[in-house]
Amino acid sequence: MYSSKSKSSVLPTGGGMTLIDPSDALILLLDHQSGLFQTVKDISVSDLRRNVVTIAKLATLLNIPVITTASEPAGSNGPLMPEIHEHAPHAVYVPRKGEVNAWDNDDFVGTVRSTGRMTLIMAGVWTSVCVMFPALDARAAGYDVYAVLDASGDPSDMASRISLARFVQGGVKPTSTNALLSELHRTWARPEAAELGMLYGLVAPNYAAVAESYARAQQAAREAG
């Protein structure tokens, strides 16, 4: 299960050698629950939710498997944000029996292992707990782990800074939603280019404005011609 595999996305130039291989990637969205959102202070909840939606849409567009989970969705932490399964209908939800650390749950770990994928892309609330604990345990189990920090949230800026330091110390690679999008995208010469372009507008609203201005300028040039 833990044997290494060659990266299918590496180009003859060597491009992609250090980047995520989409064919080996698995996205884990952990405890994005409505009650926990109310405690997040290091990022606006609207930005957090938008970035999670971007990841869900990206996973569907590129056919990357997704696993979601929550410790106590019937309790004060609240239910998972519905947009995840709305935009990633292929996502598999794994309930837990109250474990704070998803890696303490046999069903969750078994579902991860069953995919055969060794590159785990994690995001969740709280970053310092719900992402940190399974990320470190997954690293110890031999996985390559990325933490998407702006699709995660913590109760304070200090908690967020400590989380980043501990990720780096533990060999977990921090990343952001726009970096993940670009890393998996790799080239505009692909059939999903238009849909990917829309995701850039979602993760970076100012980019959407650039695209709208460009489209209007193109239309004006055609009309003038």
Protein backbone atom coordinates (compact mmCIF):
# COMPACT_ATOMS: atom_id res chain seq x y z
CA MET A 1 0.00 0.00 0.00
CA TYR A 2 2.80 2.42 0.81
CA SER A 3 5.05 1.71 -2.17
CA SER A 4 6.11 4.77 -4.16
CA LYS A 5 4.89 5.32 -7.69
CA SER A 6 6.30 7.36 -10.56
CA LYS A 7 4.57 10.65 -11.30
CA SER A 8 2.48 10.45 -14.45
CA SER A 9 2.44 14.24 -14.84
CA VAL A 10 6.22 14.74 -15.13
CA LEU A 11 7.20 16.18 -18.53
CA PRO A 12 10.33 15.31 -20.54
CA THR A 13 11.81 18.64 -19.40
CA GLY A 14 11.46 17.53 -15.77
CA GLY A 15 8.61 19.96 -15.23
CA GLY A 16 6.27 18.68 -12.56
CA MET A 17 8.86 16.58 -10.76
CA THR A 18 8.25 18.42 -7.49
CA LEU A 19 4.55 19.15 -8.05
CA ILE A 20 1.42 17.24 -7.10
CA ASP A 21 0.53 14.43 -9.50
CA PRO A 22 -3.28 14.64 -9.97
CA SER A 23 -3.45 10.90 -10.66
CA ASP A 24 -2.06 10.21 -7.18
CA ALA A 25 -3.98 12.94 -5.33
CA LEU A 26 -6.75 12.49 -2.77
CA ILE A 27 -8.58 15.45 -1.22
CA LEU A 28 -9.62 15.24 2.43
CA LEU A 29 -12.06 17.92 3.65
CA LEU A 30 -12.21 17.69 7.41
CA ASP A 31 -14.82 19.12 9.79
CA HIS A 32 -15.97 22.10 7.70
CA GLN A 33 -18.90 22.48 10.10
CA SER A 34 -21.22 25.43 10.58
CA GLY A 35 -20.68 25.67 14.33
CA LEU A 36 -16.91 25.63 14.02
CA PHE A 37 -17.06 28.34 11.34
CA GLN A 38 -18.34 30.74 14.00
CA THR A 39 -15.03 30.39 15.90
CA VAL A 40 -12.74 31.09 12.94
CA LYS A 41 -10.80 34.35 13.29
CA ASP A 42 -7.74 34.04 11.03
CA ILE A 43 -9.68 34.22 7.75
CA SER A 44 -13.09 35.56 6.83
CA VAL A 45 -15.69 32.80 6.75
CA SER A 46 -16.87 33.95 3.31
CA ASP A 47 -13.33 33.56 1.91
CA LEU A 48 -12.94 30.21 3.66
CA ARG A 49 -16.17 28.83 2.25
CA ARG A 50 -15.41 30.16 -1.24
CA ASN A 51 -12.02 28.45 -1.22
CA VAL A 52 -13.55 25.15 -0.11
CA VAL A 53 -16.11 25.42 -2.90
CA THR A 54 -13.27 26.04 -5.36
CA ILE A 55 -11.54 22.86 -4.23
CA ALA A 56 -14.76 20.84 -4.48
CA LYS A 57 -15.37 22.11 -8.03
CA LEU A 58 -11.73 21.47 -8.97
CA ALA A 59 -11.94 17.90 -7.70
CA THR A 60 -15.02 17.25 -9.80
CA LEU A 61 -13.54 18.88 -12.89
CA LEU A 62 -10.29 16.88 -12.69
CA ASN A 63 -11.87 13.67 -11.35
CA ILE A 64 -9.92 13.69 -8.08
CA PRO A 65 -11.50 11.64 -5.28
CA VAL A 66 -12.73 13.46 -2.18
CA ILE A 67 -13.36 12.19 1.34
CA THR A 68 -15.25 14.27 3.89
CA THR A 69 -15.79 13.63 7.58
CA ALA A 70 -17.05 15.19 10.80
CA SER A 71 -16.66 14.16 14.42
CA GLU A 72 -20.07 15.14 15.87
CA PRO A 73 -22.28 16.74 13.18
CA ALA A 74 -25.37 16.42 15.39
CA GLY A 75 -23.68 18.37 18.20
CA SER A 76 -22.68 21.99 18.69
CA ASN A 77 -20.00 21.81 15.97
CA GLY A 78 -22.85 21.64 13.48
CA PRO A 79 -23.33 19.95 10.11
CA LEU A 80 -20.89 20.02 7.22
CA MET A 81 -21.27 22.93 4.82
CA PRO A 82 -23.58 21.54 2.11
CA GLU A 83 -21.68 23.12 -0.78
CA ILE A 84 -18.97 20.45 -0.62
CA HIS A 85 -21.19 17.53 -1.60
CA GLU A 86 -23.24 19.79 -3.88
CA HIS A 87 -20.19 20.64 -6.00
CA ALA A 88 -18.37 17.34 -5.48
CA PRO A 89 -21.20 14.79 -5.64
CA HIS A 90 -18.65 11.99 -5.91
CA ALA A 91 -17.28 12.82 -2.44
CA VAL A 92 -17.46 10.01 0.11
CA TYR A 93 -18.58 10.95 3.62
CA VAL A 94 -17.09 8.92 6.47
CA PRO A 95 -18.84 9.42 9.84
CA ARG A 96 -16.74 9.29 13.00
CA LYS A 97 -17.64 8.11 16.47
CA GLY A 98 -16.55 11.27 18.23
CA GLU A 99 -12.81 11.04 17.54
CA VAL A 100 -11.22 14.48 17.34
CA ASN A 101 -8.43 13.14 15.11
CA ALA A 102 -9.88 11.60 11.95
CA TRP A 103 -6.80 9.32 11.77
CA ASP A 104 -7.98 7.67 15.00
CA ASN A 105 -11.02 6.35 13.12
CA ASP A 106 -10.47 2.99 11.42
CA ASP A 107 -13.18 3.57 8.81
CA PHE A 108 -11.65 6.89 7.77
CA VAL A 109 -8.13 5.51 7.45
CA GLY A 110 -9.45 2.43 5.66
CA THR A 111 -11.26 4.61 3.14
CA VAL A 112 -8.11 6.64 2.51
CA ARG A 113 -6.04 3.49 2.02
CA SER A 114 -8.62 1.93 -0.29
CA THR A 115 -8.02 4.64 -2.90
CA GLY A 116 -4.38 3.58 -3.31
CA ARG A 117 -3.40 7.25 -3.54
CA MET A 118 -0.42 8.51 -1.58
CA THR A 119 -0.68 12.29 -2.00
CA LEU A 120 -3.16 13.71 0.50
CA ILE A 121 -4.48 17.26 0.15
CA MET A 122 -6.10 18.30 3.43
CA ALA A 123 -8.16 21.26 4.58
CA GLY A 124 -10.43 21.71 7.55
CA VAL A 125 -11.57 23.55 10.64
CA TRP A 126 -9.72 23.92 12.94
CA THR A 127 -6.37 23.97 11.15
CA SER A 128 -4.49 23.39 14.40
CA VAL A 129 -6.53 20.32 15.31
CA CYS A 130 -8.73 18.78 12.62
CA VAL A 131 -6.08 19.21 9.92
CA MET A 132 -2.94 19.08 12.05
CA PHE A 133 -3.53 15.76 13.80
CA PRO A 134 -4.41 13.58 10.77
CA ALA A 135 -1.80 15.38 8.65
CA LEU A 136 1.01 14.47 11.03
CA ASP A 137 -0.26 10.92 11.44
CA ALA A 138 -0.56 10.49 7.68
CA ARG A 139 3.01 11.69 7.25
CA ALA A 140 4.13 9.09 9.80
CA ALA A 141 2.25 6.47 7.76
CA GLY A 142 4.24 7.33 4.63
CA TYR A 143 1.92 9.72 2.81
CA ASP A 144 2.91 12.96 1.07
CA VAL A 145 0.67 15.54 2.73
CA TYR A 146 -0.36 19.07 1.74
CA ALA A 147 -2.37 21.43 3.96
CA VAL A 148 -4.45 24.07 2.16
CA LEU A 149 -4.28 26.85 4.73
CA ASP A 150 -6.78 29.29 3.23
CA ALA A 151 -9.39 26.53 2.94
CA SER A 152 -8.90 25.95 6.67
CA GLY A 153 -9.45 28.14 9.70
CA ASP A 154 -8.26 28.64 13.27
CA PRO A 155 -9.58 30.53 16.30
CA SER A 156 -6.77 33.12 16.19
CA ASP A 157 -3.89 34.41 14.11
CA MET A 158 -1.52 33.01 16.73
CA ALA A 159 -3.02 29.53 16.38
CA SER A 160 -2.64 29.83 12.62
CA ARG A 161 1.04 30.82 12.87
CA ILE A 162 1.75 27.96 15.28
CA SER A 163 -0.04 25.55 12.93
CA LEU A 164 2.14 26.65 10.01
CA ALA A 165 5.32 26.15 12.04
CA ARG A 166 4.27 22.71 13.20
CA PHE A 167 3.28 21.64 9.69
CA VAL A 168 6.72 22.56 8.39
CA GLN A 169 8.47 20.87 11.31
CA GLY A 170 6.43 17.71 10.70
CA GLY A 171 7.01 17.54 6.95
CA VAL A 172 3.52 18.65 5.91
CA LYS A 173 3.61 21.01 2.94
CA PRO A 174 1.56 24.21 3.32
CA THR A 175 -0.21 25.55 0.25
CA SER A 176 -3.08 27.82 -0.76
CA THR A 177 -6.18 27.35 -2.86
CA ASN A 178 -4.92 29.34 -5.83
CA ALA A 179 -1.56 27.50 -5.73
CA LEU A 180 -3.36 24.15 -5.60
CA LEU A 181 -5.56 25.17 -8.54
CA SER A 182 -2.54 26.19 -10.61
CA GLU A 183 -0.48 23.16 -9.58
CA LEU A 184 -3.17 20.72 -10.69
CA HIS A 185 -4.08 22.81 -13.75
CA ARG A 186 -0.54 22.96 -15.20
CA THR A 187 -1.49 24.04 -18.74
CA TRP A 188 -4.17 25.96 -20.60
CA ALA A 189 -3.84 23.50 -23.48
CA ARG A 190 -6.48 21.16 -22.08
CA PRO A 191 -10.20 20.67 -22.72
CA GLU A 192 -11.22 21.94 -19.27
CA ALA A 193 -9.47 25.30 -19.75
CA ALA A 194 -12.64 27.40 -19.80
CA GLU A 195 -13.99 25.78 -16.64
CA LEU A 196 -10.63 26.17 -14.91
CA GLY A 197 -10.59 29.83 -15.86
CA MET A 198 -13.89 30.26 -14.04
CA LEU A 199 -12.36 28.73 -10.92
CA TYR A 200 -9.58 31.33 -10.98
CA GLY A 201 -12.29 33.97 -10.92
CA LEU A 202 -13.81 32.29 -7.90
CA VAL A 203 -10.61 32.01 -5.88
CA ALA A 204 -9.43 35.50 -6.94
CA PRO A 205 -12.43 37.77 -7.64
CA ASN A 206 -10.17 40.50 -9.03
CA TYR A 207 -9.03 38.04 -11.69
CA ALA A 208 -12.67 37.60 -12.66
CA ALA A 209 -12.84 41.35 -13.22
CA VAL A 210 -9.77 41.16 -15.47
CA ALA A 211 -11.39 38.39 -17.51
CA GLU A 212 -14.63 40.36 -17.82
CA SER A 213 -12.76 43.47 -19.00
CA TYR A 214 -10.81 41.43 -21.54
CA ALA A 215 -13.97 39.78 -22.86
CA ARG A 216 -15.66 43.18 -23.23
CA ALA A 217 -12.64 44.60 -25.06
CA GLN A 218 -12.66 41.64 -27.43
CA GLN A 219 -16.35 42.15 -28.08
CA ALA A 220 -15.82 45.86 -28.76
CA ALA A 221 -13.01 45.05 -31.22
CA ARG A 222 -15.26 42.62 -33.10
CA GLU A 223 -18.07 45.15 -33.26
CA ALA A 224 -15.70 47.84 -34.53
CA GLY A 225 -14.40 45.50 -37.23
